[in-house]
Structures are given as C-alpha cells and as structure tokens.
Amino acid sequence: MTEQGYEDAVLRNSQRIFLIALSFFSNQSDAEDATQNVLLKLWKHREKLNDPTHIDKWLTRVTVNECRSLLRLRRQTISYEEIEALCAVPAAQEEQELMLAVLRLPKEQRVAVHLYYYEEFSVREIARLLHISENAVKKRLSRARETLRNRLKEEPCNETE
C-alpha cells in the first residue's frame, strides 16, 4: 500500500473505527486511543495490505481486538450528555435517537448491534470476532432489539422541554 493508499484508507475508515471503539467503551478518550492504535497498526502493516475490501475487514478485526485489549486496562463510563455530544453528527432526528439508544445498551449488546447493523457483519462473523457462539450473538441481538423497542416507545433520547 502506498502512502496515498494509507491516507485513503484512513479517510475511509477512521470514523467507522471510532464508532466501533465507542460501542466498546462508551468513552470518547478510550475510543480515540483505540482508533489511533488501530491506525498505527495499519501503518505498520501497510506493505502487506493492498485490497481495499480486505483492508476494511482487517481494520474491523484489529479494532475489535484492540478494544478487547484496552478493556483489560480501562474501566470507565460516559454520561448520557457526553454520548449526545459525540452523536452530534448530522443525521435525521430519528437516526440520532436510535444511535443514542444503541449507545445506552449494555456493552455486550451494544457491540453486537453495532457490528451487525452498522458494520453489516453476519452472526457467524460476529461470533468469530468476539469468540462466542452464534446463539450468544443471536441472544444479544434479540435482547438489544427488545430493549430498544421498549426505550424508543417510552422515551425519546433527545428530550426537549
């Protein structure tokens, strides 16, 4: 991969990497640390990577592994106000409320939802990435959907008074 190829890969994937990391940590600084570590690993392995499709999947796997490593070191949480600030990317109100609700899920469910719906990984791929059974992934997704369904019916994430 050339230097320009690296820059293209960073531009194409940095927000996605950050959102995956954020789904693990719910903490901006830890998510930023993980993102930076992943991008450094991409730089170190750039000569072995050439196919953009392969690079995207490789980055997802490296991100998941990096987050799991960092989780062993850090245990922090984030307030809902900080989550709302992080989700201030331009999006339809409905999409923003859904993203905020997803970020409020327990970590196991949040990660599964992010990988399945936002990264479009299959249940089998998620199971392999997280080193859990396919049934465990399905259960996490099912519980997350039920929680989201209940939360979005009861209370919108962005309450305006």
C-alpha atoms as a PDB file:
ATOM      1  CA  MET A   1       0.000   0.000   0.000  1.00  0.00           C
ATOM      2  CA  THR A   2       1.333   3.401  -0.930  1.00  0.00           C
ATOM      3  CA  GLU A   3       1.293   6.420   1.343  1.00  0.00           C
ATOM      4  CA  GLN A   4      -1.695   7.740  -0.648  1.00  0.00           C
ATOM      5  CA  GLY A   5      -3.422   4.381  -0.215  1.00  0.00           C
ATOM      6  CA  TYR A   6      -2.858   4.631   3.528  1.00  0.00           C
ATOM      7  CA  GLU A   7      -4.338   8.140   3.603  1.00  0.00           C
ATOM      8  CA  ASP A   8      -7.361   6.941   1.609  1.00  0.00           C
ATOM      9  CA  ALA A   9      -7.869   4.005   3.976  1.00  0.00           C
ATOM     10  CA  VAL A  10      -7.662   6.329   6.992  1.00  0.00           C
ATOM     11  CA  LEU A  11     -10.178   8.762   5.494  1.00  0.00           C
ATOM     12  CA  ARG A  12     -12.500   5.929   4.509  1.00  0.00           C
ATOM     13  CA  ASN A  13     -12.342   4.082   7.838  1.00  0.00           C
ATOM     14  CA  SER A  14     -11.416   6.368  10.738  1.00  0.00           C
ATOM     15  CA  GLN A  15     -14.985   7.327  11.705  1.00  0.00           C
ATOM     16  CA  ARG A  16     -16.106   3.708  11.385  1.00  0.00           C
ATOM     17  CA  ILE A  17     -13.212   2.542  13.569  1.00  0.00           C
ATOM     18  CA  PHE A  18     -14.042   5.233  16.128  1.00  0.00           C
ATOM     19  CA  LEU A  19     -17.715   4.164  16.251  1.00  0.00           C
ATOM     20  CA  ILE A  20     -16.775   0.521  16.740  1.00  0.00           C
ATOM     21  CA  ALA A  21     -14.437   1.532  19.556  1.00  0.00           C
ATOM     22  CA  LEU A  22     -17.102   3.793  21.031  1.00  0.00           C
ATOM     23  CA  SER A  23     -19.514   0.865  21.082  1.00  0.00           C
ATOM     24  CA  PHE A  24     -16.996  -0.999  23.247  1.00  0.00           C
ATOM     25  CA  PHE A  25     -16.053   1.813  25.597  1.00  0.00           C
ATOM     26  CA  SER A  26     -18.776   4.484  25.637  1.00  0.00           C
ATOM     27  CA  ASN A  27     -15.835   6.711  26.412  1.00  0.00           C
ATOM     28  CA  GLN A  28     -14.514   9.208  23.891  1.00  0.00           C
ATOM     29  CA  SER A  29     -10.890   9.233  25.013  1.00  0.00           C
ATOM     30  CA  ASP A  30     -10.610   5.433  25.084  1.00  0.00           C
ATOM     31  CA  ALA A  31     -12.321   5.201  21.689  1.00  0.00           C
ATOM     32  CA  GLU A  32      -9.870   7.771  20.315  1.00  0.00           C
ATOM     33  CA  ASP A  33      -6.922   5.844  21.799  1.00  0.00           C
ATOM     34  CA  ALA A  34      -8.124   2.619  20.221  1.00  0.00           C
ATOM     35  CA  THR A  35      -8.671   4.354  16.872  1.00  0.00           C
ATOM     36  CA  GLN A  36      -5.184   5.805  16.952  1.00  0.00           C
ATOM     37  CA  ASN A  37      -3.653   2.425  17.862  1.00  0.00           C
ATOM     38  CA  VAL A  38      -5.513   0.715  15.020  1.00  0.00           C
ATOM     39  CA  LEU A  39      -4.373   3.321  12.506  1.00  0.00           C
ATOM     40  CA  LEU A  40      -0.790   2.889  13.709  1.00  0.00           C
ATOM     41  CA  LYS A  41      -1.108  -0.869  13.175  1.00  0.00           C
ATOM     42  CA  LEU A  42      -2.410  -0.184   9.677  1.00  0.00           C
ATOM     43  CA  TRP A  43       0.688   1.928   9.001  1.00  0.00           C
ATOM     44  CA  LYS A  44       2.984  -0.819  10.312  1.00  0.00           C
ATOM     45  CA  HIS A  45       1.275  -3.472   8.154  1.00  0.00           C
ATOM     46  CA  ARG A  46       0.629  -1.297   5.094  1.00  0.00           C
ATOM     47  CA  GLU A  47       3.047  -3.190   2.878  1.00  0.00           C
ATOM     48  CA  LYS A  48       1.126  -6.440   3.390  1.00  0.00           C
ATOM     49  CA  LEU A  49      -2.284  -4.912   2.650  1.00  0.00           C
ATOM     50  CA  ASN A  50      -3.365  -3.860  -0.820  1.00  0.00           C
ATOM     51  CA  ASP A  51      -7.012  -4.803  -1.412  1.00  0.00           C
ATOM     52  CA  PRO A  52      -9.368  -2.059  -0.056  1.00  0.00           C
ATOM     53  CA  THR A  53     -12.088  -4.622   0.762  1.00  0.00           C
ATOM     54  CA  HIS A  54      -9.587  -6.714   2.694  1.00  0.00           C
ATOM     55  CA  ILE A  55      -8.277  -3.615   4.460  1.00  0.00           C
ATOM     56  CA  ASP A  56     -11.775  -2.662   5.698  1.00  0.00           C
ATOM     57  CA  LYS A  57     -12.410  -6.130   7.165  1.00  0.00           C
ATOM     58  CA  TRP A  58      -8.886  -6.308   8.550  1.00  0.00           C
ATOM     59  CA  LEU A  59      -9.371  -2.959  10.277  1.00  0.00           C
ATOM     60  CA  THR A  60     -12.621  -4.143  11.849  1.00  0.00           C
ATOM     61  CA  ARG A  61     -10.948  -7.245  13.259  1.00  0.00           C
ATOM     62  CA  VAL A  62      -7.971  -5.258  14.504  1.00  0.00           C
ATOM     63  CA  THR A  63     -10.319  -2.701  16.083  1.00  0.00           C
ATOM     64  CA  VAL A  64     -12.284  -5.367  17.943  1.00  0.00           C
ATOM     65  CA  ASN A  65      -9.072  -6.991  19.184  1.00  0.00           C
ATOM     66  CA  GLU A  66      -7.564  -3.642  20.172  1.00  0.00           C
ATOM     67  CA  CYS A  67     -10.694  -2.691  22.113  1.00  0.00           C
ATOM     68  CA  ARG A  68     -10.717  -6.002  23.925  1.00  0.00           C
ATOM     69  CA  SER A  69      -7.068  -5.478  24.875  1.00  0.00           C
ATOM     70  CA  LEU A  70      -7.677  -1.950  26.106  1.00  0.00           C
ATOM     71  CA  LEU A  71     -10.745  -3.052  28.072  1.00  0.00           C
ATOM     72  CA  ARG A  72      -8.493  -5.156  30.225  1.00  0.00           C
ATOM     73  CA  LEU A  73      -6.692  -1.952  31.183  1.00  0.00           C
ATOM     74  CA  ARG A  74      -9.526   0.574  31.440  1.00  0.00           C
ATOM     75  CA  ARG A  75     -12.950   0.587  33.054  1.00  0.00           C
ATOM     76  CA  GLN A  76     -14.653   3.931  32.536  1.00  0.00           C
ATOM     77  CA  THR A  77     -18.134   5.100  31.680  1.00  0.00           C
ATOM     78  CA  ILE A  78     -19.568   8.134  29.965  1.00  0.00           C
ATOM     79  CA  SER A  79     -22.524  10.300  30.848  1.00  0.00           C
ATOM     80  CA  TYR A  80     -25.546  10.460  28.581  1.00  0.00           C
ATOM     81  CA  GLU A  81     -24.773  14.128  27.913  1.00  0.00           C
ATOM     82  CA  GLU A  82     -21.340  13.153  26.595  1.00  0.00           C
ATOM     83  CA  ILE A  83     -22.921  10.453  24.410  1.00  0.00           C
ATOM     84  CA  GLU A  84     -25.294  13.031  22.944  1.00  0.00           C
ATOM     85  CA  ALA A  85     -22.384  15.360  22.192  1.00  0.00           C
ATOM     86  CA  LEU A  86     -20.478  12.542  20.483  1.00  0.00           C
ATOM     87  CA  CYS A  87     -23.508  11.740  18.335  1.00  0.00           C
ATOM     88  CA  ALA A  88     -23.852  15.290  17.105  1.00  0.00           C
ATOM     89  CA  VAL A  89     -23.073  14.169  13.565  1.00  0.00           C
ATOM     90  CA  PRO A  90     -25.664  15.435  11.087  1.00  0.00           C
ATOM     91  CA  ALA A  91     -28.407  12.831  10.928  1.00  0.00           C
ATOM     92  CA  ALA A  92     -32.146  12.666  10.910  1.00  0.00           C
ATOM     93  CA  GLN A  93     -33.640  13.112  14.373  1.00  0.00           C
ATOM     94  CA  GLU A  94     -34.904   9.515  14.312  1.00  0.00           C
ATOM     95  CA  GLU A  95     -31.472   8.134  13.397  1.00  0.00           C
ATOM     96  CA  GLN A  96     -29.808  10.191  16.103  1.00  0.00           C
ATOM     97  CA  GLU A  97     -32.284   8.974  18.730  1.00  0.00           C
ATOM     98  CA  LEU A  98     -31.703   5.395  17.652  1.00  0.00           C
ATOM     99  CA  MET A  99     -27.912   5.804  17.827  1.00  0.00           C
ATOM    100  CA  LEU A 100     -28.170   7.302  21.309  1.00  0.00           C
ATOM    101  CA  ALA A 101     -30.416   4.441  22.408  1.00  0.00           C
ATOM    102  CA  VAL A 102     -27.911   1.928  20.996  1.00  0.00           C
ATOM    103  CA  LEU A 103     -25.062   3.607  22.888  1.00  0.00           C
ATOM    104  CA  ARG A 104     -27.055   3.234  26.124  1.00  0.00           C
ATOM    105  CA  LEU A 105     -27.299  -0.546  25.754  1.00  0.00           C
ATOM    106  CA  PRO A 106     -25.110  -2.808  27.877  1.00  0.00           C
ATOM    107  CA  LYS A 107     -21.687  -3.278  26.267  1.00  0.00           C
ATOM    108  CA  GLU A 108     -22.239  -6.834  25.010  1.00  0.00           C
ATOM    109  CA  GLN A 109     -25.497  -5.885  23.295  1.00  0.00           C
ATOM    110  CA  ARG A 110     -24.142  -2.562  22.008  1.00  0.00           C
ATOM    111  CA  VAL A 111     -21.154  -4.210  20.347  1.00  0.00           C
ATOM    112  CA  ALA A 112     -23.281  -6.928  18.749  1.00  0.00           C
ATOM    113  CA  VAL A 113     -25.786  -4.370  17.420  1.00  0.00           C
ATOM    114  CA  HIS A 114     -23.061  -2.125  16.051  1.00  0.00           C
ATOM    115  CA  LEU A 115     -21.251  -4.945  14.267  1.00  0.00           C
ATOM    116  CA  TYR A 116     -24.481  -6.442  12.890  1.00  0.00           C
ATOM    117  CA  TYR A 117     -26.435  -3.374  11.808  1.00  0.00           C
ATOM    118  CA  TYR A 118     -23.804  -0.696  11.231  1.00  0.00           C
ATOM    119  CA  GLU A 119     -20.875  -2.814  10.021  1.00  0.00           C
ATOM    120  CA  GLU A 120     -23.110  -5.436   8.350  1.00  0.00           C
ATOM    121  CA  PHE A 121     -21.291  -8.454   9.739  1.00  0.00           C
ATOM    122  CA  SER A 122     -23.150 -11.753   9.807  1.00  0.00           C
ATOM    123  CA  VAL A 123     -23.992 -13.526  13.055  1.00  0.00           C
ATOM    124  CA  ARG A 124     -21.299 -16.088  12.224  1.00  0.00           C
ATOM    125  CA  GLU A 125     -18.659 -13.384  11.645  1.00  0.00           C
ATOM    126  CA  ILE A 126     -19.570 -11.611  14.884  1.00  0.00           C
ATOM    127  CA  ALA A 127     -19.336 -14.886  16.796  1.00  0.00           C
ATOM    128  CA  ARG A 128     -15.846 -15.434  15.412  1.00  0.00           C
ATOM    129  CA  LEU A 129     -14.745 -11.865  16.138  1.00  0.00           C
ATOM    130  CA  LEU A 130     -15.993 -11.925  19.725  1.00  0.00           C
ATOM    131  CA  HIS A 131     -15.075 -15.574  20.387  1.00  0.00           C
ATOM    132  CA  ILE A 132     -18.628 -16.502  21.409  1.00  0.00           C
ATOM    133  CA  SER A 133     -21.240 -18.858  19.981  1.00  0.00           C
ATOM    134  CA  GLU A 134     -23.635 -17.857  17.224  1.00  0.00           C
ATOM    135  CA  ASN A 135     -26.513 -18.449  19.648  1.00  0.00           C
ATOM    136  CA  ALA A 136     -24.960 -15.984  22.082  1.00  0.00           C
ATOM    137  CA  VAL A 137     -24.802 -13.370  19.320  1.00  0.00           C
ATOM    138  CA  LYS A 138     -28.439 -14.026  18.403  1.00  0.00           C
ATOM    139  CA  LYS A 139     -29.473 -13.720  22.052  1.00  0.00           C
ATOM    140  CA  ARG A 140     -27.596 -10.418  22.452  1.00  0.00           C
ATOM    141  CA  LEU A 141     -29.217  -9.040  19.316  1.00  0.00           C
ATOM    142  CA  SER A 142     -32.654 -10.214  20.431  1.00  0.00           C
ATOM    143  CA  ARG A 143     -32.290  -8.652  23.879  1.00  0.00           C
ATOM    144  CA  ALA A 144     -30.961  -5.442  22.370  1.00  0.00           C
ATOM    145  CA  ARG A 145     -33.884  -5.188  19.933  1.00  0.00           C
ATOM    146  CA  GLU A 146     -36.356  -5.707  22.760  1.00  0.00           C
ATOM    147  CA  THR A 147     -34.638  -3.092  24.930  1.00  0.00           C
ATOM    148  CA  LEU A 148     -34.514  -0.612  22.047  1.00  0.00           C
ATOM    149  CA  ARG A 149     -38.151  -1.246  21.172  1.00  0.00           C
ATOM    150  CA  ASN A 150     -39.201  -0.528  24.770  1.00  0.00           C
ATOM    151  CA  ARG A 151     -36.966   2.509  25.223  1.00  0.00           C
ATOM    152  CA  LEU A 152     -37.930   4.143  21.952  1.00  0.00           C
ATOM    153  CA  LYS A 153     -41.636   3.682  22.735  1.00  0.00           C
ATOM    154  CA  GLU A 154     -41.345   5.079  26.252  1.00  0.00           C
ATOM    155  CA  GLU A 155     -38.910   7.951  25.983  1.00  0.00           C
ATOM    156  CA  PRO A 156     -37.111   9.644  23.125  1.00  0.00           C
ATOM    157  CA  CYS A 157     -33.358  10.010  23.596  1.00  0.00           C
ATOM    158  CA  ASN A 158     -33.371  13.749  22.883  1.00  0.00           C
ATOM    159  CA  GLU A 159     -35.935  15.197  25.226  1.00  0.00           C
ATOM    160  CA  THR A 160     -36.764  18.825  24.614  1.00  0.00           C
ATOM    161  CA  GLU A 161     -38.688  20.731  27.231  1.00  0.00           C
END
